[in-house]
Amino acid sequence: MEPARFVALCGRVLPFAVALAVAMLAAGLLFSLALSPADYQQGESVRIMYVHVPAAWMALFVYALVAVLGGVGLAFGHALAFHAARAAAPLGAAFALLCLVSGSLWGKPMWGAWWVWDARLTSMLLLFFLYLGQIALSGAFDRQARGDRAAAVLALVGCVNLPVVKFSVDWWHTLHQPASVFKFGGPSIDPSMLLPLLLMAGAFKAVFFALWLIRTRTAVAASRVAAARLAGGAR
């Protein structure tokens, strides 16, 4: 898609995306904070799950998206793909940080420690650093195109960490509990907790989509302004 067409499409889609994000987030918070029960073992602290788990899912999803967009940009030289990847990376880093912070708050009452060098926690921390590396690389060169290509290469290489984050609880003995939603045989979590969890997951995705559109549109507009200035200065 051409950048100009993308900006026009954003103008039509964005109001609906923002409305959907607000509605889903309100529903998710209502169910997770007020309508879902406390856990019989963890008590009210289980409500951290409704932030921690969707944040972890989104951190993985956004990283995969950034890698795909970077690959498209490298393969086809598509500027819009690089703009979209650059816009998504800080959002993914925010989800990864939210996952780490909420996990630490959850881990203290459950494990008695804010942090342990567990395989899942360590690989998620590495994912956060990969995000930071992409963000730093994309702005480390005097030409944006060079930074975009360097960040895309790092994103593709860093994809090897995604299955480690996902399957570390199955490959090694860890403190972190195994999967309870996406597993063979169906979810093992009670429906009264599964519904708010899925609502919050949908809300996080809707919020990401709305912010991603805003950031990508801004990046496209900024690149067009910079190109116009260069063209004007060359005259």
Protein backbone atom coordinates (compact mmCIF):
# COMPACT_ATOMS: atom_id res chain seq x y z
CA MET A 1 0.00 0.00 0.00
CA GLU A 2 1.24 3.49 -0.83
CA PRO A 3 1.90 5.76 2.19
CA ALA A 4 -0.65 8.34 1.00
CA ARG A 5 -3.38 5.71 0.74
CA PHE A 6 -2.43 4.37 4.15
CA VAL A 7 -2.79 7.81 5.76
CA ALA A 8 -6.22 8.22 4.16
CA LEU A 9 -7.27 4.75 5.34
CA CYS A 10 -6.10 5.53 8.88
CA GLY A 11 -8.33 8.58 8.93
CA ARG A 12 -11.37 6.39 8.28
CA VAL A 13 -10.44 3.43 10.49
CA LEU A 14 -8.92 5.16 13.51
CA PRO A 15 -12.15 6.46 15.15
CA PHE A 16 -13.62 2.95 15.11
CA ALA A 17 -10.35 1.44 16.37
CA VAL A 18 -10.20 3.88 19.30
CA ALA A 19 -13.87 3.28 20.18
CA LEU A 20 -13.37 -0.49 20.09
CA ALA A 21 -10.27 -0.24 22.28
CA VAL A 22 -12.04 1.90 24.89
CA ALA A 23 -15.12 -0.36 24.94
CA MET A 24 -13.13 -3.59 25.23
CA LEU A 25 -10.83 -2.17 27.90
CA ALA A 26 -13.81 -1.01 29.95
CA ALA A 27 -15.47 -4.43 29.66
CA GLY A 28 -12.24 -6.23 30.49
CA LEU A 29 -11.58 -4.12 33.59
CA LEU A 30 -15.17 -4.55 34.76
CA PHE A 31 -15.03 -8.33 34.52
CA SER A 32 -11.48 -8.74 35.83
CA LEU A 33 -11.75 -6.35 38.78
CA ALA A 34 -15.39 -6.65 39.81
CA LEU A 35 -17.14 -9.67 38.34
CA SER A 36 -14.48 -12.39 38.45
CA PRO A 37 -13.91 -14.33 41.69
CA ALA A 38 -10.81 -14.33 43.84
CA ASP A 39 -8.66 -17.46 43.65
CA TYR A 40 -9.04 -19.96 46.48
CA GLN A 41 -5.24 -20.10 46.94
CA GLN A 42 -3.95 -16.75 45.65
CA GLY A 43 -6.82 -14.58 46.81
CA GLU A 44 -7.16 -11.13 45.24
CA SER A 45 -3.58 -11.17 43.95
CA VAL A 46 -4.75 -13.43 41.11
CA ARG A 47 -6.20 -10.32 39.44
CA ILE A 48 -2.64 -9.42 38.39
CA MET A 49 -3.07 -12.26 35.90
CA TYR A 50 -5.51 -10.17 33.86
CA VAL A 51 -2.72 -7.72 33.10
CA HIS A 52 0.33 -9.97 33.22
CA VAL A 53 -0.81 -12.71 30.85
CA PRO A 54 -2.24 -10.47 28.08
CA ALA A 55 0.89 -8.30 28.30
CA ALA A 56 3.06 -11.39 27.77
CA TRP A 57 0.95 -12.52 24.81
CA MET A 58 1.16 -9.07 23.25
CA ALA A 59 4.92 -8.82 23.77
CA LEU A 60 5.36 -12.01 21.76
CA PHE A 61 2.78 -11.06 19.13
CA VAL A 62 4.18 -7.58 18.53
CA TYR A 63 7.75 -8.89 18.26
CA ALA A 64 6.67 -11.40 15.62
CA LEU A 65 4.85 -8.59 13.80
CA VAL A 66 7.92 -6.34 13.91
CA ALA A 67 10.06 -9.18 12.53
CA VAL A 68 7.60 -9.85 9.69
CA LEU A 69 7.39 -6.16 8.81
CA GLY A 70 11.17 -5.87 8.92
CA GLY A 71 11.50 -8.90 6.66
CA VAL A 72 9.04 -7.38 4.18
CA GLY A 73 10.97 -4.13 4.26
CA LEU A 74 14.28 -5.89 3.64
CA ALA A 75 12.92 -8.10 0.88
CA PHE A 76 10.90 -5.51 -1.04
CA GLY A 77 12.29 -2.18 0.13
CA HIS A 78 8.81 -1.11 1.20
CA ALA A 79 9.05 2.09 3.23
CA LEU A 80 5.63 1.63 4.82
CA ALA A 81 6.71 -1.72 6.31
CA PHE A 82 9.67 -0.03 7.97
CA HIS A 83 7.47 2.79 9.25
CA ALA A 84 5.03 0.26 10.71
CA ALA A 85 7.83 -1.78 12.33
CA ARG A 86 9.36 1.34 13.85
CA ALA A 87 5.96 2.36 15.21
CA ALA A 88 5.24 -1.07 16.71
CA ALA A 89 8.56 -1.69 18.48
CA PRO A 90 8.13 0.78 21.39
CA LEU A 91 4.61 -0.55 21.97
CA GLY A 92 5.95 -4.09 22.13
CA ALA A 93 8.65 -2.96 24.53
CA ALA A 94 5.97 -1.41 26.75
CA PHE A 95 4.05 -4.70 26.80
CA ALA A 96 7.23 -6.62 27.65
CA LEU A 97 8.02 -4.19 30.48
CA LEU A 98 4.45 -4.40 31.78
CA CYS A 99 4.74 -8.18 31.73
CA LEU A 100 7.99 -8.09 33.71
CA VAL A 101 6.74 -5.56 36.28
CA SER A 102 3.38 -7.26 36.82
CA GLY A 103 5.12 -10.63 37.02
CA SER A 104 7.41 -9.27 39.70
CA LEU A 105 4.42 -7.96 41.68
CA TRP A 106 2.74 -11.35 41.31
CA GLY A 107 5.89 -13.31 42.09
CA LYS A 108 6.55 -11.67 45.45
CA PRO A 109 3.47 -13.09 47.24
CA MET A 110 3.60 -16.39 45.31
CA TRP A 111 7.32 -17.18 45.33
CA GLY A 112 8.56 -14.90 48.09
CA ALA A 113 10.87 -13.01 45.72
CA TRP A 114 10.51 -10.12 43.30
CA TRP A 115 12.73 -11.82 40.73
CA VAL A 116 14.27 -15.23 40.11
CA TRP A 117 16.45 -16.29 37.18
CA ASP A 118 13.74 -18.58 35.91
CA ALA A 119 13.90 -19.62 32.22
CA ARG A 120 10.60 -17.90 31.37
CA LEU A 121 11.48 -14.70 33.19
CA THR A 122 15.00 -14.57 31.76
CA SER A 123 13.87 -15.13 28.19
CA MET A 124 11.19 -12.44 28.57
CA LEU A 125 13.84 -10.05 29.91
CA LEU A 126 15.94 -10.86 26.84
CA LEU A 127 12.92 -10.09 24.65
CA PHE A 128 12.64 -6.68 26.32
CA PHE A 129 16.33 -6.01 25.61
CA LEU A 130 15.83 -7.06 21.98
CA TYR A 131 13.09 -4.47 21.71
CA LEU A 132 15.39 -1.84 23.16
CA GLY A 133 18.10 -2.87 20.71
CA GLN A 134 15.74 -2.46 17.76
CA ILE A 135 14.63 0.97 18.95
CA ALA A 136 18.24 2.07 19.47
CA LEU A 137 19.42 0.74 16.10
CA SER A 138 16.59 2.36 14.16
CA GLY A 139 17.74 5.77 15.35
CA ALA A 140 21.49 5.17 15.44
CA PHE A 141 22.30 6.17 11.86
CA ASP A 142 22.20 9.48 10.05
CA ARG A 143 20.05 7.88 7.35
CA GLN A 144 16.78 6.39 8.57
CA ALA A 145 16.83 3.67 5.91
CA ARG A 146 20.09 2.26 7.27
CA GLY A 147 18.71 2.22 10.80
CA ASP A 148 15.53 0.49 9.63
CA ARG A 149 17.52 -2.24 7.88
CA ALA A 150 19.77 -2.81 10.91
CA ALA A 151 16.76 -2.99 13.24
CA ALA A 152 15.02 -5.42 10.87
CA VAL A 153 18.03 -7.76 10.87
CA LEU A 154 18.12 -7.75 14.67
CA ALA A 155 14.37 -8.44 14.80
CA LEU A 156 14.72 -11.44 12.50
CA VAL A 157 17.69 -12.84 14.44
CA GLY A 158 15.86 -12.30 17.73
CA CYS A 159 12.97 -14.47 16.59
CA VAL A 160 14.90 -17.49 17.90
CA ASN A 161 13.99 -16.25 21.39
CA LEU A 162 10.22 -16.43 20.79
CA PRO A 163 9.89 -20.23 21.09
CA VAL A 164 12.18 -20.11 24.13
CA VAL A 165 9.79 -17.70 25.86
CA LYS A 166 6.79 -19.79 24.87
CA PHE A 167 8.07 -23.30 25.59
CA SER A 168 10.64 -22.70 28.35
CA VAL A 169 8.16 -23.92 30.98
CA ASP A 170 7.84 -27.20 29.05
CA TRP A 171 11.51 -27.67 28.17
CA TRP A 172 12.95 -26.99 31.64
CA HIS A 173 11.86 -27.31 35.25
CA THR A 174 10.86 -23.77 36.18
CA LEU A 175 9.00 -21.95 38.94
CA HIS A 176 6.70 -20.40 36.38
CA GLN A 177 3.48 -22.34 35.91
CA PRO A 178 2.89 -24.08 32.55
CA ALA A 179 0.34 -22.95 29.97
CA SER A 180 -3.25 -23.02 31.20
CA VAL A 181 -5.12 -21.49 28.22
CA PHE A 182 -3.51 -22.55 24.93
CA LYS A 183 -2.80 -26.22 25.54
CA PHE A 184 -3.79 -29.62 24.26
CA GLY A 185 -7.07 -30.73 25.78
CA GLY A 186 -8.38 -27.18 26.14
CA PRO A 187 -7.97 -24.53 28.85
CA SER A 188 -7.55 -25.66 32.44
CA ILE A 189 -8.63 -22.31 33.87
CA ASP A 190 -12.16 -21.86 35.20
CA PRO A 191 -14.58 -20.12 32.80
CA SER A 192 -15.28 -17.42 35.38
CA MET A 193 -11.61 -16.40 35.05
CA LEU A 194 -11.11 -17.33 31.41
CA LEU A 195 -13.73 -14.85 30.15
CA PRO A 196 -12.17 -11.74 31.76
CA LEU A 197 -8.72 -12.94 30.74
CA LEU A 198 -9.76 -13.21 27.10
CA LEU A 199 -11.57 -9.87 27.30
CA MET A 200 -8.42 -8.20 28.59
CA ALA A 201 -6.37 -9.93 25.90
CA GLY A 202 -8.73 -8.56 23.26
CA ALA A 203 -8.62 -5.13 24.87
CA PHE A 204 -4.81 -5.08 24.85
CA LYS A 205 -4.81 -6.04 21.18
CA ALA A 206 -7.37 -3.36 20.34
CA VAL A 207 -5.39 -0.72 22.26
CA PHE A 208 -2.23 -1.78 20.46
CA PHE A 209 -3.93 -1.61 17.06
CA ALA A 210 -5.24 1.91 17.70
CA LEU A 211 -1.89 3.20 18.99
CA TRP A 212 -0.05 1.44 16.18
CA LEU A 213 -2.19 3.16 13.57
CA ILE A 214 -1.58 6.53 15.21
CA ARG A 215 2.18 6.01 15.46
CA THR A 216 2.51 4.65 11.92
CA ARG A 217 0.49 7.52 10.46
CA THR A 218 2.70 9.97 12.38
CA ALA A 219 5.87 8.25 11.10
CA VAL A 220 4.62 8.39 7.51
CA ALA A 221 3.73 12.08 7.86
CA ALA A 222 7.13 12.85 9.40
CA SER A 223 8.95 11.08 6.57
CA ARG A 224 6.97 13.03 3.98
CA VAL A 225 7.80 16.32 5.72
CA ALA A 226 11.50 15.37 5.87
CA ALA A 227 11.48 14.43 2.18
CA ALA A 228 9.84 17.75 1.30
CA ARG A 229 12.47 19.65 3.27
CA LEU A 230 15.28 17.79 1.53
CA ALA A 231 13.71 18.47 -1.84
CA GLY A 232 13.34 22.15 -0.96
CA GLY A 233 16.91 22.41 0.27
CA ALA A 234 18.26 20.80 -2.91
CA ARG A 235 16.73 23.52 -5.10
